Amino acid sequence: MALFKKKDVALPAGKAAVKSGALRAAKKVKTSSIAKFILFVGDEGAVLVHSKNNVVKSRQFVSDASKTNLDTLKSYMASDTKSPLLMVTDNIDQSYIQQTLPPVSSLSVQKLIKRRLDRDFGANDIKGAIPLGREASGRKDWNFMMVALEKTPQISAWLDFVLELPNPFDGICLAAVEVENIVRNLDFALEEIHGESGSEWKFFVSHNKVGGFRQVILRKGRIIFTRMAQPMGESTPEVIAGNIEQEMTSTIEYMRRLSFDAQSGLDIYIIASAAIKAALDKSKFNSRNIYIMTPFEAAHHLNIEGATQPTDQFGDVVLATSIGSMKKHVLTLMTSDATQLNKMSRGILYERVLAVAITIGGILYAGSVGYDIYEGYSAGGELAQQKAEQEKHLAELREKIASSGMDIEKTSDMIDMYKKLTQQMLSPASVIPGLQSALKPPIVVKSFEWSLEGSNPSEVTTSSPPAQKMVFTFTLQFPGVTNAEGFKAVSKKLRDDLQQALNVKAEDIAFGKVPPAFTESDKLDVTIGGNEPAAPANPSLELELVVKKIIELPSDKSK
């Protein structure tokens, strides 16, 4: 005879498959590499495992939550107070109820879940829900597995213990629920050896020291049923193997009420000691595949090091390490006290991070100010050095002037006089006759300006070159020229005359831009209301002409 958990749970017979349960090849669950403590709690005691990156560093079993045992566990954890702690329960006081909810939005369904949890479970229970997807047909209702962990005195004692520790608390996981991820990782390893099974149903059994026989039924990768049983009678391997066979046979019979069909495939996974493994009769189970593993072999398939020895009999450490190493869990429960404690811990952490950031910012600011001071001091030194050099140069210049006997005022007057004489010598008078011979009527000169290229006559200095290019700018009017063809003939003749008269190159003569109206080949005569054609808009062409001419300055001898 066996003891069962408070509620056995299954999907109602005939339920349609849900979308999220689509059958697929095994995909490995990602694991975390951080160090972590896992407290695996059951009705018969607890196991504390310390692991990092799937390697078990230590493990310790205690039979109950007595003060002596709790002090022992505290001493094991004293060496690492920064690693988080995860509590995993595998006791009988767990309840599972599947609920079908109407097809509301994902936000609204959360409110329905909370109401169902409050209605179906006690106020002190630690509860949550596992989404199982939506119906594939019909109204497409939501399917959820409602889960509750009864807060018994034993569970309360363990919770008080973990919340008093300085280690961060990661919450509570249920071993039966997390079997989903364990089976996925086992399938990933076993399919590399035996190939893909394609079975829709999975039956997982583990013989645990702190709990007993944990049985979990998965359909299309999701939990639909779980039960706990304790071995009865003698503790010999043959008797325990008989208990396991009897319990599994009863469970398979119950699965038939959940629309189980052997044609859809059943894979069985059993974790037990080597002696029980040898005593189990595989022929009693009508399954597609059956994998019976010792805890040591299961740890090998799950890529866990140091968790077990070949002679180990129970699967507690393997399950605890596998669940603790997973990056994401199927369901994590949290009490209100633990939630408040985590908020306080995060607040303290944020304060520390902020203090470190402020300190680093202050150091960087002080360094920046110090560097600016150093740069300012260096620049001041360079300016002082330049000033000393200039003062030295000025003193040398004054000394040279004093020794030469030069009259500074008289020399300055002579330079000013030379500028004025040079300005008078740079006159366009010598070029005017040539311009007059080229700019003949009917061309009309409307304005005339001249300057030195790149300078102004008033800015001529003693360092000016002996020859300057003088720039003449005219505004000319061409009477009778009203289109581009007429201007082309006149401009060609004017350009040739200027080149010959002034002895300049073609590139030294430039006409301004011709107005757009003169680029048309023909003009339109517009008659309005029978009147005479309007006068042309441009009776004559007017544009700018620029001529450049090099003027030779008188030699020093002529001056």
Protein backbone atom coordinates (compact mmCIF):
# COMPACT_ATOMS: atom_id res chain seq x y z
CA MET A 1 0.00 0.00 0.00
CA ALA A 2 1.18 3.51 -0.66
CA LEU A 3 0.57 6.99 0.68
CA PHE A 4 -0.50 9.51 -1.96
CA LYS A 5 -0.31 13.26 -2.01
CA LYS A 6 -3.38 15.29 -1.15
CA LYS A 7 -4.60 15.70 -4.77
CA ASP A 8 -3.88 13.69 -7.89
CA VAL A 9 -4.26 15.91 -10.94
CA ALA A 10 -4.87 15.22 -14.60
CA LEU A 11 -6.36 16.74 -17.70
CA PRO A 12 -10.05 15.75 -18.10
CA ALA A 13 -10.57 12.87 -20.51
CA GLY A 14 -11.14 13.82 -24.12
CA LYS A 15 -9.57 17.28 -23.85
CA ALA A 16 -8.23 18.62 -27.11
CA ALA A 17 -4.50 19.16 -27.43
CA VAL A 18 -3.28 22.66 -26.74
CA LYS A 19 -1.16 24.73 -29.10
CA SER A 20 1.88 24.94 -26.86
CA GLY A 21 2.05 21.15 -26.51
CA ALA A 22 3.07 20.46 -30.10
CA LEU A 23 5.31 17.40 -30.24
CA ARG A 24 8.89 18.20 -31.15
CA ALA A 25 12.42 16.89 -30.81
CA ALA A 26 14.11 17.43 -27.47
CA LYS A 27 15.72 20.82 -26.99
CA LYS A 28 18.18 21.27 -24.15
CA VAL A 29 17.29 23.71 -21.38
CA LYS A 30 19.92 26.40 -20.87
CA THR A 31 21.86 26.29 -17.63
CA SER A 32 23.49 29.00 -15.52
CA SER A 33 27.15 29.09 -14.49
CA ILE A 34 26.73 31.10 -11.27
CA ALA A 35 27.26 29.56 -7.83
CA LYS A 36 24.08 28.70 -5.96
CA PHE A 37 22.78 26.88 -2.88
CA ILE A 38 19.79 24.55 -3.38
CA LEU A 39 17.79 23.38 -0.34
CA PHE A 40 15.87 20.24 -1.41
CA VAL A 41 13.09 19.83 1.19
CA GLY A 42 10.80 16.82 1.72
CA ASP A 43 8.74 15.13 4.42
CA GLU A 44 11.73 13.11 5.60
CA GLY A 45 14.36 15.88 5.84
CA ALA A 46 16.34 18.12 3.50
CA VAL A 47 19.49 18.11 1.39
CA LEU A 48 21.63 21.25 0.99
CA VAL A 49 23.60 21.31 -2.26
CA HIS A 50 26.21 23.93 -3.21
CA SER A 51 26.89 23.93 -6.96
CA LYS A 52 28.47 26.11 -9.62
CA ASN A 53 28.33 25.61 -13.38
CA ASN A 54 26.79 22.10 -12.98
CA VAL A 55 29.55 21.04 -10.60
CA VAL A 56 28.57 20.07 -7.04
CA LYS A 57 31.00 21.56 -4.50
CA SER A 58 29.32 20.13 -1.38
CA ARG A 59 26.14 18.36 -0.20
CA GLN A 60 24.70 17.83 3.26
CA PHE A 61 21.65 15.86 4.46
CA VAL A 62 19.66 16.65 7.62
CA SER A 63 16.66 14.70 8.87
CA ASP A 64 14.56 17.68 10.06
CA ALA A 65 14.54 21.42 10.79
CA SER A 66 15.79 21.14 14.38
CA LYS A 67 18.06 23.88 15.75
CA THR A 68 21.10 21.60 15.69
CA ASN A 69 20.54 20.66 12.05
CA LEU A 70 19.88 24.26 11.03
CA ASP A 71 23.11 25.37 12.74
CA THR A 72 24.93 22.67 10.79
CA LEU A 73 23.55 23.97 7.50
CA LYS A 74 24.42 27.56 8.46
CA SER A 75 28.03 26.55 9.07
CA TYR A 76 28.18 25.04 5.57
CA MET A 77 26.83 28.26 4.04
CA ALA A 78 29.01 30.64 6.06
CA SER A 79 31.84 30.38 3.53
CA ASP A 80 29.71 31.92 0.75
CA THR A 81 27.12 34.49 1.82
CA LYS A 82 26.76 36.07 -1.63
CA SER A 83 25.52 33.07 -3.62
CA PRO A 84 21.70 32.95 -3.90
CA LEU A 85 19.63 30.16 -2.35
CA LEU A 86 16.79 28.31 -4.09
CA MET A 87 14.33 26.20 -2.12
CA VAL A 88 12.96 23.10 -3.93
CA THR A 89 10.12 21.17 -2.28
CA ASP A 90 9.25 17.50 -2.84
CA ASN A 91 6.69 16.88 -0.10
CA ILE A 92 3.19 15.43 -0.07
CA ASP A 93 1.36 18.67 0.85
CA GLN A 94 1.07 19.99 -2.68
CA SER A 95 -2.12 20.50 -4.69
CA TYR A 96 -2.59 20.61 -8.45
CA ILE A 97 -5.86 21.54 -10.20
CA GLN A 98 -6.24 22.10 -13.91
CA GLN A 99 -8.52 25.01 -14.83
CA THR A 100 -10.05 26.01 -18.16
CA LEU A 101 -10.64 29.76 -18.46
CA PRO A 102 -12.63 31.68 -21.09
CA PRO A 103 -10.85 33.11 -24.16
CA VAL A 104 -10.17 36.59 -22.79
CA SER A 105 -7.05 38.70 -23.42
CA SER A 106 -3.73 37.76 -21.83
CA LEU A 107 -4.02 40.70 -19.41
CA SER A 108 -7.56 39.87 -18.32
CA VAL A 109 -6.78 36.18 -17.83
CA GLN A 110 -4.29 37.06 -15.07
CA LYS A 111 -7.11 38.55 -13.01
CA LEU A 112 -9.17 35.38 -13.50
CA ILE A 113 -6.22 33.27 -12.40
CA LYS A 114 -5.83 35.25 -9.19
CA ARG A 115 -9.54 34.86 -8.37
CA ARG A 116 -9.40 31.10 -9.01
CA LEU A 117 -6.31 30.71 -6.85
CA ASP A 118 -7.93 32.61 -3.98
CA ARG A 119 -11.14 30.58 -4.37
CA ASP A 120 -9.64 27.08 -4.64
CA PHE A 121 -6.76 27.30 -2.14
CA GLY A 122 -6.25 28.50 1.42
CA ALA A 123 -5.28 32.05 2.29
CA ASN A 124 -1.93 30.92 3.76
CA ASP A 125 -1.05 28.58 0.86
CA ILE A 126 1.84 29.53 -1.41
CA LYS A 127 0.26 29.38 -4.84
CA GLY A 128 0.76 30.05 -8.54
CA ALA A 129 -0.31 28.94 -12.03
CA ILE A 130 1.39 27.20 -14.96
CA PRO A 131 0.15 28.18 -18.44
CA LEU A 132 -0.55 25.11 -20.56
CA GLY A 133 -1.53 26.99 -23.73
CA ARG A 134 -4.89 27.41 -25.46
CA GLU A 135 -7.27 24.97 -27.07
CA ALA A 136 -6.47 24.33 -30.73
CA SER A 137 -10.15 24.47 -31.77
CA GLY A 138 -13.51 25.72 -30.61
CA ARG A 139 -13.50 28.83 -28.43
CA LYS A 140 -9.73 28.50 -27.87
CA ASP A 141 -10.04 28.58 -24.08
CA TRP A 142 -7.05 29.03 -21.81
CA ASN A 143 -5.66 25.99 -19.95
CA PHE A 144 -3.78 26.51 -16.68
CA MET A 145 -2.47 24.24 -13.96
CA MET A 146 -3.19 25.85 -10.58
CA VAL A 147 -0.57 24.88 -8.02
CA ALA A 148 -0.46 25.37 -4.23
CA LEU A 149 2.08 24.48 -1.55
CA GLU A 150 0.50 24.16 1.88
CA LYS A 151 2.33 26.26 4.46
CA THR A 152 2.64 23.52 7.09
CA PRO A 153 4.66 24.04 10.29
CA GLN A 154 7.48 22.06 8.70
CA ILE A 155 7.55 24.22 5.55
CA SER A 156 7.25 27.36 7.72
CA ALA A 157 10.33 26.31 9.72
CA TRP A 158 12.38 25.87 6.54
CA LEU A 159 11.15 29.21 5.18
CA ASP A 160 12.08 31.02 8.41
CA PHE A 161 15.54 29.48 8.14
CA VAL A 162 16.23 30.57 4.56
CA LEU A 163 14.84 34.09 5.09
CA GLU A 164 17.15 34.68 8.07
CA LEU A 165 20.25 33.88 5.98
CA PRO A 166 22.31 36.72 4.45
CA ASN A 167 22.17 35.00 1.04
CA PRO A 168 19.73 36.33 -1.58
CA PHE A 169 16.58 34.21 -1.81
CA ASP A 170 15.61 33.06 -5.34
CA GLY A 171 12.21 31.67 -4.37
CA ILE A 172 10.52 28.25 -4.15
CA CYS A 173 10.31 25.66 -6.91
CA LEU A 174 8.32 22.41 -6.90
CA ALA A 175 10.33 19.37 -7.96
CA ALA A 176 7.36 17.79 -9.75
CA VAL A 177 6.82 20.89 -11.90
CA GLU A 178 10.51 21.31 -12.80
CA VAL A 179 10.61 17.68 -14.03
CA GLU A 180 9.47 19.17 -17.36
CA ASN A 181 12.96 20.65 -17.85
CA ILE A 182 14.75 17.59 -16.45
CA VAL A 183 13.00 15.27 -18.92
CA ARG A 184 13.82 17.64 -21.77
CA ASN A 185 17.52 17.49 -20.89
CA LEU A 186 17.38 13.71 -20.49
CA ASP A 187 15.71 13.39 -23.90
CA PHE A 188 18.40 15.61 -25.42
CA ALA A 189 21.12 13.29 -24.08
CA LEU A 190 19.31 9.98 -24.73
CA GLU A 191 18.25 10.87 -28.28
CA GLU A 192 21.93 11.18 -29.20
CA ILE A 193 22.30 7.53 -28.09
CA HIS A 194 18.95 5.91 -28.98
CA GLY A 195 17.50 8.34 -31.50
CA GLU A 196 14.27 10.36 -31.30
CA SER A 197 11.38 8.43 -29.75
CA GLY A 198 8.46 10.64 -30.83
CA SER A 199 6.38 9.55 -27.83
CA GLU A 200 3.58 11.88 -26.72
CA TRP A 201 3.54 10.67 -23.09
CA LYS A 202 6.43 10.74 -20.58
CA PHE A 203 6.42 8.92 -17.21
CA PHE A 204 9.15 10.06 -14.77
CA VAL A 205 9.86 8.27 -11.46
CA SER A 206 12.58 9.15 -8.95
CA HIS A 207 13.33 7.42 -5.65
CA ASN A 208 14.24 10.29 -3.28
CA LYS A 209 15.54 10.10 0.27
CA VAL A 210 13.61 13.16 1.58
CA GLY A 211 10.31 12.31 -0.12
CA GLY A 212 9.77 8.81 -1.50
CA PHE A 213 8.62 7.82 -4.99
CA ARG A 214 7.93 10.99 -6.99
CA GLN A 215 5.88 10.21 -10.11
CA VAL A 216 5.26 12.83 -12.82
CA ILE A 217 3.24 12.35 -16.02
CA LEU A 218 3.93 14.69 -18.96
CA ARG A 219 1.93 14.97 -22.13
CA LYS A 220 3.55 16.77 -25.04
CA GLY A 221 6.17 18.10 -22.65
CA ARG A 222 3.73 19.60 -20.06
CA ILE A 223 2.81 18.30 -16.62
CA ILE A 224 -0.73 16.91 -16.34
CA PHE A 225 -0.44 14.57 -13.36
CA THR A 226 1.83 13.92 -10.36
CA ARG A 227 1.68 11.79 -7.22
CA MET A 228 3.90 10.91 -4.27
CA ALA A 229 4.14 7.46 -2.61
CA GLN A 230 6.18 6.11 0.30
CA PRO A 231 7.70 2.59 0.22
CA MET A 232 5.97 0.18 2.59
CA GLY A 233 7.17 -3.06 4.18
CA GLU A 234 10.76 -4.28 4.06
CA SER A 235 13.46 -2.04 2.57
CA THR A 236 15.14 -4.72 0.45
CA PRO A 237 15.73 -3.86 -3.24
CA GLU A 238 13.25 -6.51 -4.38
CA VAL A 239 10.47 -5.16 -2.15
CA ILE A 240 11.13 -1.56 -3.17
CA ALA A 241 11.22 -2.58 -6.83
CA GLY A 242 7.85 -4.32 -6.33
CA ASN A 243 6.41 -1.16 -4.77
CA ILE A 244 7.61 0.91 -7.73
CA GLU A 245 6.11 -1.55 -10.24
CA GLN A 246 2.79 -1.60 -8.38
CA GLU A 247 2.60 2.19 -8.15
CA MET A 248 3.51 2.65 -11.82
CA THR A 249 0.96 0.08 -12.96
CA SER A 250 -1.76 1.88 -10.99
CA THR A 251 -0.71 5.22 -12.45
CA ILE A 252 -0.78 3.89 -16.04
CA GLU A 253 -4.28 2.56 -15.43
CA TYR A 254 -5.34 5.99 -14.23
CA MET A 255 -3.74 7.57 -17.32
CA ARG A 256 -6.19 5.65 -19.50
CA ARG A 257 -8.93 7.78 -17.98
CA LEU A 258 -6.98 10.79 -19.31
CA SER A 259 -7.26 9.53 -22.91
CA PHE A 260 -3.88 7.76 -22.78
CA ASP A 261 -3.39 5.45 -25.76
CA ALA A 262 -0.35 3.20 -26.11
CA GLN A 263 -0.31 3.95 -29.85
CA SER A 264 0.67 7.58 -29.10
CA GLY A 265 3.81 6.33 -27.37
CA LEU A 266 5.05 6.22 -23.77
CA ASP A 267 8.61 6.79 -22.56
CA ILE A 268 9.50 5.83 -18.97
CA TYR A 269 12.39 7.27 -16.94
CA ILE A 270 13.27 5.71 -13.57
CA ILE A 271 16.03 6.94 -11.24
CA ALA A 272 16.82 4.34 -8.56
CA SER A 273 19.76 2.50 -7.01
CA ALA A 274 21.71 -0.14 -8.93
CA ALA A 275 20.12 -2.93 -6.83
CA ILE A 276 16.57 -1.70 -7.50
CA LYS A 277 17.43 -1.24 -11.19
CA ALA A 278 18.44 -4.89 -11.41
CA ALA A 279 15.24 -6.01 -9.63
CA LEU A 280 12.79 -4.05 -11.83
CA ASP A 281 10.90 -6.02 -14.48
CA LYS A 282 10.64 -3.97 -17.68
CA SER A 283 8.15 -6.39 -19.24
CA LYS A 284 5.41 -5.21 -16.88
CA PHE A 285 5.21 -1.85 -18.68
CA ASN A 286 3.82 -1.49 -22.18
CA SER A 287 6.05 1.40 -23.24
CA ARG A 288 7.90 2.44 -26.36
CA ASN A 289 11.10 3.19 -24.41
CA ILE A 290 12.09 2.58 -20.80
CA TYR A 291 15.25 4.11 -19.31
CA ILE A 292 16.24 2.87 -15.84
CA MET A 293 19.18 4.87 -14.48
CA THR A 294 21.14 4.98 -11.27
CA PRO A 295 21.63 8.47 -9.78
CA PHE A 296 25.23 8.33 -11.03
CA GLU A 297 24.09 7.54 -14.60
CA ALA A 298 21.39 10.23 -14.50
CA ALA A 299 23.98 12.82 -13.41
CA HIS A 300 26.15 11.77 -16.37
CA HIS A 301 23.26 12.24 -18.83
CA LEU A 302 22.45 15.65 -17.27
CA ASN A 303 26.13 16.69 -17.45
CA ILE A 304 26.41 17.17 -13.67
CA GLU A 305 29.78 16.57 -12.00
CA GLY A 306 30.39 15.58 -8.38
CA ALA A 307 26.73 15.09 -7.52
CA THR A 308 26.79 11.37 -6.87
CA GLN A 309 28.96 8.30 -6.49
CA PRO A 310 28.35 4.98 -8.33
CA THR A 311 26.99 3.50 -5.08
CA ASP A 312 24.47 6.30 -4.35
CA GLN A 313 20.86 5.11 -3.98
CA PHE A 314 18.73 8.29 -4.18
CA GLY A 315 18.06 10.95 -6.79
CA ASP A 316 17.72 13.99 -4.48
CA VAL A 317 21.11 15.59 -5.24
CA VAL A 318 20.77 15.02 -8.98
CA LEU A 319 17.31 16.63 -9.09
CA ALA A 320 18.34 19.51 -6.83
CA THR A 321 21.46 20.34 -8.86
CA SER A 322 19.66 20.06 -12.20
CA ILE A 323 16.82 22.34 -11.05
CA GLY A 324 19.19 24.84 -9.42
CA SER A 325 21.38 25.16 -12.51
CA MET A 326 18.54 26.06 -14.89
CA LYS A 327 18.43 29.66 -16.11
CA LYS A 328 14.62 29.68 -16.22
CA HIS A 329 12.17 27.67 -14.15
CA VAL A 330 8.69 26.50 -15.08
CA LEU A 331 7.21 28.10 -11.94
CA THR A 332 8.77 30.08 -9.10
CA LEU A 333 6.71 30.79 -5.99
CA MET A 334 7.38 33.53 -3.47
CA THR A 335 5.90 34.39 -0.08
CA SER A 336 4.97 37.96 0.81
CA ASP A 337 7.76 38.08 3.42
CA ALA A 338 10.30 36.90 0.88
CA THR A 339 9.07 39.49 -1.63
CA GLN A 340 9.53 42.32 0.89
CA LEU A 341 12.95 40.98 1.86
CA ASN A 342 14.07 40.87 -1.76
CA LYS A 343 12.88 44.45 -2.29
CA MET A 344 14.93 45.58 0.71
CA SER A 345 17.97 43.65 -0.54
CA ARG A 346 17.66 45.19 -3.99
CA GLY A 347 17.30 48.64 -2.43
CA ILE A 348 20.49 48.15 -0.43
CA LEU A 349 22.25 46.87 -3.54
CA TYR A 350 21.11 49.88 -5.59
CA GLU A 351 22.33 52.22 -2.83
CA ARG A 352 25.74 50.55 -2.87
CA VAL A 353 25.94 50.73 -6.66
CA LEU A 354 24.95 54.41 -6.53
CA ALA A 355 27.56 55.12 -3.86
CA VAL A 356 30.25 53.43 -5.95
CA ALA A 357 29.15 55.38 -9.04
CA ILE A 358 29.25 58.68 -7.10
CA THR A 359 32.71 57.84 -5.74
CA ILE A 360 34.03 56.98 -9.19
CA GLY A 361 32.45 60.14 -10.60
CA GLY A 362 34.11 62.23 -7.86
CA ILE A 363 37.50 60.66 -8.58
CA LEU A 364 37.12 61.29 -12.31
CA TYR A 365 36.03 64.90 -11.71
CA ALA A 366 38.97 65.52 -9.38
CA GLY A 367 41.30 64.04 -11.98
CA SER A 368 39.79 66.26 -14.67
CA VAL A 369 40.22 69.39 -12.53
CA GLY A 370 43.78 68.43 -11.72
CA TYR A 371 44.56 67.91 -15.40
CA ASP A 372 43.04 71.30 -16.30
CA ILE A 373 45.20 72.95 -13.63
CA TYR A 374 48.27 71.21 -14.99
CA GLU A 375 47.42 72.26 -18.56
CA GLY A 376 46.85 75.86 -17.44
CA TYR A 377 50.18 75.87 -15.58
CA SER A 378 51.98 74.46 -18.65
CA ALA A 379 50.35 77.02 -21.00
CA GLY A 380 51.27 79.87 -18.61
CA GLY A 381 54.87 78.70 -18.64
CA GLU A 382 54.96 78.64 -22.45
CA LEU A 383 53.47 82.16 -22.67
CA ALA A 384 56.02 83.46 -20.16
CA GLN A 385 58.82 81.94 -22.23
CA GLN A 386 57.48 83.51 -25.46
CA LYS A 387 57.19 86.91 -23.75
CA ALA A 388 60.81 86.70 -22.57
CA GLU A 389 61.97 85.85 -26.11
CA GLN A 390 60.01 88.77 -27.64
CA GLU A 391 61.36 91.18 -25.06
CA LYS A 392 64.89 89.98 -25.81
CA HIS A 393 64.32 90.44 -29.55
CA LEU A 394 62.93 93.97 -28.99
CA ALA A 395 65.94 94.91 -26.87
CA GLU A 396 68.31 93.70 -29.61
CA LEU A 397 66.39 95.72 -32.23
CA ARG A 398 66.53 98.88 -30.12
CA GLU A 399 70.24 98.37 -29.61
CA LYS A 400 70.80 98.06 -33.39
CA ILE A 401 68.77 101.23 -34.07
CA ALA A 402 70.65 103.14 -31.42
CA SER A 403 74.05 102.03 -32.79
CA SER A 404 73.09 102.93 -36.40
CA GLY A 405 72.22 106.53 -35.52
CA MET A 406 68.99 106.29 -37.58
CA ASP A 407 66.39 109.05 -37.20
CA ILE A 408 63.18 107.02 -36.71
CA GLU A 409 60.77 109.92 -37.35
CA LYS A 410 62.51 110.99 -40.57
CA THR A 411 62.58 107.39 -41.86
CA SER A 412 58.84 107.01 -41.19
CA ASP A 413 58.10 110.26 -43.13
CA MET A 414 60.13 108.99 -46.09
CA ILE A 415 58.12 105.77 -46.21
CA ASP A 416 54.81 107.66 -46.22
CA MET A 417 56.06 109.89 -49.03
CA TYR A 418 57.08 106.86 -51.08
CA LYS A 419 53.59 105.39 -50.74
CA LYS A 420 51.98 108.57 -52.05
CA LEU A 421 54.40 108.78 -55.02
CA THR A 422 53.76 105.14 -55.88
CA GLN A 423 50.01 105.77 -55.82
CA GLN A 424 50.45 108.64 -58.24
CA MET A 425 52.61 106.50 -60.53
CA LEU A 426 49.92 103.77 -60.68
CA SER A 427 47.46 105.71 -62.84
CA PRO A 428 45.15 104.39 -65.57
CA ALA A 429 45.91 107.43 -67.71
CA SER A 430 48.30 105.50 -69.96
CA VAL A 431 45.60 102.91 -70.73
CA ILE A 432 42.71 105.28 -71.44
CA PRO A 433 43.62 105.99 -75.11
CA GLY A 434 43.63 102.28 -75.93
CA LEU A 435 40.28 101.80 -74.25
CA GLN A 436 38.81 104.75 -76.18
CA SER A 437 39.92 103.26 -79.48
CA ALA A 438 38.19 99.97 -78.72
CA LEU A 439 35.01 101.22 -77.01
CA LYS A 440 33.61 103.10 -80.00
CA PRO A 441 30.01 104.14 -80.62
CA PRO A 442 27.32 102.95 -80.67
CA ILE A 443 28.67 101.26 -77.45
CA VAL A 444 27.83 103.46 -74.46
CA VAL A 445 30.04 103.48 -71.31
CA LYS A 446 27.67 104.01 -68.38
CA SER A 447 30.23 103.58 -65.57
CA PHE A 448 33.95 102.95 -65.11
CA GLU A 449 36.06 101.76 -62.11
CA TRP A 450 39.66 100.59 -61.73
CA SER A 451 41.69 98.86 -59.04
CA LEU A 452 44.79 96.73 -58.53
CA GLU A 453 44.13 93.01 -58.52
CA GLY A 454 44.03 91.76 -54.91
CA SER A 455 44.69 95.23 -53.40
CA ASN A 456 43.74 98.89 -53.43
CA PRO A 457 45.94 101.70 -54.71
CA SER A 458 45.96 103.27 -51.28
CA GLU A 459 47.40 100.09 -49.83
CA VAL A 460 50.54 99.95 -51.98
CA THR A 461 53.65 99.34 -49.88
CA THR A 462 57.39 99.57 -50.45
CA SER A 463 57.40 95.80 -50.86
CA SER A 464 55.07 95.95 -53.92
CA PRO A 465 56.44 94.13 -56.99
CA PRO A 466 57.73 96.25 -59.92
CA ALA A 467 54.60 95.32 -61.97
CA GLN A 468 50.92 95.27 -60.96
CA LYS A 469 47.85 93.98 -62.79
CA MET A 470 45.24 96.74 -63.06
CA VAL A 471 41.55 95.72 -63.27
CA PHE A 472 39.10 97.89 -65.25
CA THR A 473 35.38 97.32 -64.70
CA PHE A 474 32.92 98.87 -67.19
CA THR A 475 29.14 98.90 -67.38
CA LEU A 476 28.38 98.99 -71.09
CA GLN A 477 25.20 99.44 -73.07
CA PHE A 478 24.79 98.00 -76.57
CA PRO A 479 21.99 99.88 -78.36
CA GLY A 480 20.19 97.83 -80.98
CA VAL A 481 21.37 94.49 -79.61
CA THR A 482 18.23 92.62 -78.52
CA ASN A 483 19.16 88.96 -78.80
CA ALA A 484 22.00 86.53 -78.30
CA GLU A 485 22.98 86.38 -81.99
CA GLY A 486 23.43 90.11 -82.18
CA PHE A 487 25.50 90.23 -78.97
CA LYS A 488 27.71 87.37 -80.19
CA ALA A 489 28.89 89.38 -83.22
CA VAL A 490 29.39 92.63 -81.27
CA SER A 491 31.25 90.96 -78.37
CA LYS A 492 33.65 89.14 -80.74
CA LYS A 493 34.64 92.36 -82.47
CA LEU A 494 34.97 94.22 -79.12
CA ARG A 495 37.19 91.46 -77.71
CA ASP A 496 39.49 91.55 -80.77
CA ASP A 497 39.75 95.38 -80.60
CA LEU A 498 40.65 95.33 -76.88
CA GLN A 499 43.33 92.67 -77.38
CA GLN A 500 44.94 94.68 -80.16
CA ALA A 501 44.64 98.07 -78.45
CA LEU A 502 45.81 97.05 -74.98
CA ASN A 503 48.06 94.11 -75.87
CA VAL A 504 46.25 91.78 -73.43
CA LYS A 505 45.36 88.09 -73.59
CA ALA A 506 41.87 86.74 -74.31
CA GLU A 507 41.52 85.35 -70.75
CA ASP A 508 42.07 88.90 -69.36
CA ILE A 509 38.76 90.01 -70.97
CA ALA A 510 35.48 88.82 -69.44
CA PHE A 511 31.86 89.78 -70.10
CA GLY A 512 29.18 89.56 -67.41
CA LYS A 513 26.26 87.13 -67.55
CA VAL A 514 23.80 87.81 -70.36
CA PRO A 515 20.21 88.29 -69.08
CA PRO A 516 17.96 85.24 -69.73
CA ALA A 517 15.67 87.12 -72.13
CA PHE A 518 18.59 87.63 -74.55
CA THR A 519 19.29 83.89 -74.79
CA GLU A 520 16.10 83.29 -76.80
CA SER A 521 16.58 83.11 -80.55
CA ASP A 522 13.31 84.82 -81.36
CA LYS A 523 11.07 87.30 -79.56
CA LEU A 524 7.28 87.18 -79.46
CA ASP A 525 5.18 90.19 -80.39
CA VAL A 526 2.14 90.20 -78.13
CA THR A 527 -1.02 92.02 -79.18
CA ILE A 528 -3.61 92.77 -76.49
CA GLY A 529 -7.18 93.76 -77.44
CA GLY A 530 -6.28 94.70 -81.01
CA ASN A 531 -3.65 97.27 -80.00
CA GLU A 532 -0.29 97.52 -81.59
CA PRO A 533 2.39 95.00 -80.52
CA ALA A 534 3.98 95.89 -77.19
CA ALA A 535 7.45 97.32 -77.19
CA PRO A 536 10.27 94.84 -76.51
CA ALA A 537 10.97 94.28 -72.83
CA ASN A 538 14.73 94.87 -73.39
CA PRO A 539 15.35 97.61 -76.02
CA SER A 540 19.12 97.26 -75.65
CA LEU A 541 21.58 95.00 -73.88
CA GLU A 542 23.40 96.25 -70.79
CA LEU A 543 26.07 94.20 -68.98
CA GLU A 544 29.44 94.33 -67.26
CA LEU A 545 32.88 94.09 -68.90
CA VAL A 546 36.10 93.35 -66.97
CA VAL A 547 39.54 93.98 -68.51
CA LYS A 548 42.86 93.21 -66.79
CA LYS A 549 46.09 94.98 -67.83
CA ILE A 550 49.60 94.66 -66.39
CA ILE A 551 51.11 98.06 -65.55
CA GLU A 552 54.89 98.35 -65.29
CA LEU A 553 56.12 100.47 -62.36
CA PRO A 554 59.03 102.86 -62.92
CA SER A 555 62.46 101.43 -62.10
CA ASP A 556 64.47 102.62 -59.05
CA LYS A 557 66.78 104.50 -61.45
CA SER A 558 63.92 106.54 -62.93
CA LYS A 559 62.74 107.46 -59.44
